[in-house]
Amino acid sequence: MVTPPSRRSILSLYSTMLRTSRSFSSYNFREYFLRRTRETFRTLQNETDGTKIQSMYSDAVAELAVLRRSAAVNKMYGGWRLAVETSKP
């Protein structure tokens, strides 16, 4: 029988993915990955099957590695800010 990951490790992964998603310099990528991370963990939260939870957790860990590499590349070649990102004085 497969033991699902602990609640603490799931929450830690969730916060790490949110932090990494916020590190994108591009507004569109940043908002997309924040939304996608929240949706992924909402479905994980509602899951009751231990095997399915373990599988989803493993997928999220692999996705975090890709997310970190993508964020690093996006920081190097970020580009200019959009009108939505400008702060009002």
Protein backbone atom coordinates (compact mmCIF):
# COMPACT_ATOMS: atom_id res chain seq x y z
CA MET A 1 0.00 0.00 0.00
CA VAL A 2 1.25 3.45 -0.92
CA THR A 3 1.34 6.02 1.85
CA PRO A 4 0.27 9.46 0.71
CA PRO A 5 2.50 12.45 1.48
CA SER A 6 1.91 14.26 4.75
CA ARG A 7 -0.21 17.38 5.00
CA ARG A 8 2.88 19.38 5.91
CA SER A 9 4.80 18.27 2.80
CA ILE A 10 1.81 19.08 0.56
CA LEU A 11 1.46 22.55 2.09
CA SER A 12 5.19 23.12 1.79
CA LEU A 13 5.11 22.16 -1.88
CA TYR A 14 2.10 24.43 -2.42
CA SER A 15 3.79 27.45 -0.85
CA THR A 16 7.01 26.78 -2.78
CA MET A 17 5.10 26.59 -6.05
CA LEU A 18 3.25 29.83 -5.26
CA ARG A 19 6.53 31.57 -4.39
CA THR A 20 8.16 30.33 -7.58
CA SER A 21 5.13 31.39 -9.63
CA ARG A 22 5.34 34.89 -8.15
CA SER A 23 8.99 35.15 -9.21
CA PHE A 24 8.14 35.38 -12.93
CA SER A 25 8.89 38.85 -14.25
CA SER A 26 6.26 38.55 -16.99
CA TYR A 27 2.74 39.41 -15.75
CA ASN A 28 0.95 36.93 -18.02
CA PHE A 29 3.18 33.99 -17.08
CA ARG A 30 3.03 34.92 -13.40
CA GLU A 31 -0.76 35.07 -13.28
CA TYR A 32 -1.13 31.89 -15.35
CA PHE A 33 1.12 29.83 -13.09
CA LEU A 34 -0.45 31.20 -9.92
CA ARG A 35 -3.89 30.26 -11.22
CA ARG A 36 -2.72 26.84 -12.37
CA THR A 37 -1.03 26.10 -9.02
CA ARG A 38 -4.16 27.02 -7.07
CA GLU A 39 -6.34 24.84 -9.32
CA THR A 40 -3.95 21.89 -9.04
CA PHE A 41 -3.91 21.98 -5.26
CA ARG A 42 -7.69 22.46 -5.04
CA THR A 43 -8.16 19.18 -6.86
CA LEU A 44 -5.49 17.59 -4.64
CA GLN A 45 -7.30 18.86 -1.55
CA ASN A 46 -10.56 17.19 -2.59
CA GLU A 47 -8.96 13.84 -3.43
CA THR A 48 -9.40 10.95 -0.97
CA ASP A 49 -7.59 8.07 -2.72
CA GLY A 50 -4.05 7.72 -1.32
CA THR A 51 -2.59 6.37 -4.55
CA LYS A 52 -4.07 9.22 -6.55
CA ILE A 53 -2.79 11.77 -4.01
CA GLN A 54 0.72 10.28 -4.23
CA SER A 55 0.59 10.42 -8.03
CA MET A 56 -0.62 14.03 -8.06
CA TYR A 57 2.04 14.99 -5.51
CA SER A 58 4.79 13.41 -7.62
CA ASP A 59 3.52 15.24 -10.69
CA ALA A 60 3.52 18.53 -8.78
CA VAL A 61 7.12 17.97 -7.62
CA ALA A 62 8.19 17.39 -11.22
CA GLU A 63 6.22 20.47 -12.29
CA LEU A 64 8.02 22.54 -9.64
CA ALA A 65 11.38 21.71 -11.21
CA VAL A 66 10.11 22.86 -14.61
CA LEU A 67 8.56 25.95 -13.04
CA ARG A 68 11.86 26.93 -11.41
CA ARG A 69 13.78 26.60 -14.67
CA SER A 70 11.12 28.56 -16.55
CA ALA A 71 11.14 31.33 -13.95
CA ALA A 72 14.93 31.64 -14.21
CA VAL A 73 14.76 31.96 -17.98
CA ASN A 74 11.88 34.42 -17.74
CA LYS A 75 13.88 36.61 -15.35
CA MET A 76 16.76 36.73 -17.85
CA TYR A 77 14.55 37.67 -20.81
CA GLY A 78 11.61 39.31 -19.02
CA GLY A 79 10.90 42.26 -21.26
CA TRP A 80 8.98 45.40 -20.39
CA ARG A 81 6.11 45.91 -17.96
CA LEU A 82 2.49 45.91 -19.08
CA ALA A 83 0.02 48.72 -18.39
CA VAL A 84 -1.74 46.46 -15.87
CA GLU A 85 1.41 46.26 -13.76
CA THR A 86 2.11 49.95 -13.33
CA SER A 87 1.44 51.25 -9.86
CA LYS A 88 -0.65 54.37 -9.33
CA PRO A 89 1.05 57.19 -7.39
